[in-house]
Amino acid sequence: MGLVLVIEGLIYCGFPNLARKLATEVLATPENMLRMGGLVAVAVGVGVVWLARG
């Protein structure tokens, strides 16, 4: 969780215009695409943790 906060903080601190653009695009993205993207992110995250612990 800490690493996620570091990466998010770097985006907002280093690239504020990019963060605004991404936020605008998220608002325009259909809900089902956001859900699928979230599901893929969860699956990849679980896979990375599983590999790191194994």
C-alpha atoms as a PDB file:
ATOM      1  CA  MET A   1       0.000   0.000   0.000  1.00  0.00           C
ATOM      2  CA  GLY A   2       2.875   2.333   0.779  1.00  0.00           C
ATOM      3  CA  LEU A   3       4.357   1.815  -2.673  1.00  0.00           C
ATOM      4  CA  VAL A   4       1.021   2.716  -4.259  1.00  0.00           C
ATOM      5  CA  LEU A   5       0.985   5.981  -2.297  1.00  0.00           C
ATOM      6  CA  VAL A   6       4.546   6.766  -3.394  1.00  0.00           C
ATOM      7  CA  ILE A   7       3.737   6.194  -7.064  1.00  0.00           C
ATOM      8  CA  GLU A   8       0.503   8.174  -6.836  1.00  0.00           C
ATOM      9  CA  GLY A   9       2.270  11.002  -5.036  1.00  0.00           C
ATOM     10  CA  LEU A  10       4.985  11.116  -7.696  1.00  0.00           C
ATOM     11  CA  ILE A  11       2.380  11.462 -10.421  1.00  0.00           C
ATOM     12  CA  TYR A  12       0.603  14.334  -8.664  1.00  0.00           C
ATOM     13  CA  CYS A  13       3.830  16.047  -7.630  1.00  0.00           C
ATOM     14  CA  GLY A  14       5.822  15.600 -10.820  1.00  0.00           C
ATOM     15  CA  PHE A  15       3.126  15.637 -13.477  1.00  0.00           C
ATOM     16  CA  PRO A  16       0.059  17.567 -12.246  1.00  0.00           C
ATOM     17  CA  ASN A  17      -1.201  18.275 -15.771  1.00  0.00           C
ATOM     18  CA  LEU A  18      -1.061  14.576 -16.604  1.00  0.00           C
ATOM     19  CA  ALA A  19      -2.985  13.773 -13.410  1.00  0.00           C
ATOM     20  CA  ARG A  20      -5.731  16.220 -14.409  1.00  0.00           C
ATOM     21  CA  LYS A  21      -5.901  14.786 -17.916  1.00  0.00           C
ATOM     22  CA  LEU A  22      -6.143  11.234 -16.572  1.00  0.00           C
ATOM     23  CA  ALA A  23      -8.886  12.243 -14.124  1.00  0.00           C
ATOM     24  CA  THR A  24     -10.864  13.811 -16.983  1.00  0.00           C
ATOM     25  CA  GLU A  25     -10.489  10.663 -19.071  1.00  0.00           C
ATOM     26  CA  VAL A  26     -11.628   8.468 -16.189  1.00  0.00           C
ATOM     27  CA  LEU A  27     -14.829  10.503 -15.912  1.00  0.00           C
ATOM     28  CA  ALA A  28     -15.501   9.909 -19.613  1.00  0.00           C
ATOM     29  CA  THR A  29     -14.776   6.154 -19.448  1.00  0.00           C
ATOM     30  CA  PRO A  30     -17.774   3.796 -19.305  1.00  0.00           C
ATOM     31  CA  GLU A  31     -18.353   2.090 -15.950  1.00  0.00           C
ATOM     32  CA  ASN A  32     -17.923  -1.441 -17.307  1.00  0.00           C
ATOM     33  CA  MET A  33     -14.472  -0.585 -18.691  1.00  0.00           C
ATOM     34  CA  LEU A  34     -13.431   0.851 -15.321  1.00  0.00           C
ATOM     35  CA  ARG A  35     -14.603  -2.341 -13.602  1.00  0.00           C
ATOM     36  CA  MET A  36     -12.660  -4.535 -16.014  1.00  0.00           C
ATOM     37  CA  GLY A  37      -9.561  -2.394 -15.594  1.00  0.00           C
ATOM     38  CA  GLY A  38      -9.887  -2.662 -11.830  1.00  0.00           C
ATOM     39  CA  LEU A  39     -10.329  -6.429 -12.035  1.00  0.00           C
ATOM     40  CA  VAL A  40      -7.228  -6.762 -14.195  1.00  0.00           C
ATOM     41  CA  ALA A  41      -5.256  -4.565 -11.778  1.00  0.00           C
ATOM     42  CA  VAL A  42      -6.341  -6.730  -8.840  1.00  0.00           C
ATOM     43  CA  ALA A  43      -5.376  -9.919 -10.676  1.00  0.00           C
ATOM     44  CA  VAL A  44      -1.964  -8.548 -11.640  1.00  0.00           C
ATOM     45  CA  GLY A  45      -1.383  -7.293  -8.089  1.00  0.00           C
ATOM     46  CA  VAL A  46      -2.256 -10.665  -6.583  1.00  0.00           C
ATOM     47  CA  GLY A  47       0.054 -12.345  -9.094  1.00  0.00           C
ATOM     48  CA  VAL A  48       2.944 -10.037  -8.240  1.00  0.00           C
ATOM     49  CA  VAL A  49       2.486 -10.600  -4.496  1.00  0.00           C
ATOM     50  CA  TRP A  50       2.230 -14.357  -5.053  1.00  0.00           C
ATOM     51  CA  LEU A  51       5.452 -14.388  -7.091  1.00  0.00           C
ATOM     52  CA  ALA A  52       7.270 -12.186  -4.580  1.00  0.00           C
ATOM     53  CA  ARG A  53       6.325 -14.425  -1.669  1.00  0.00           C
ATOM     54  CA  GLY A  54       7.106 -17.655  -3.543  1.00  0.00           C
END
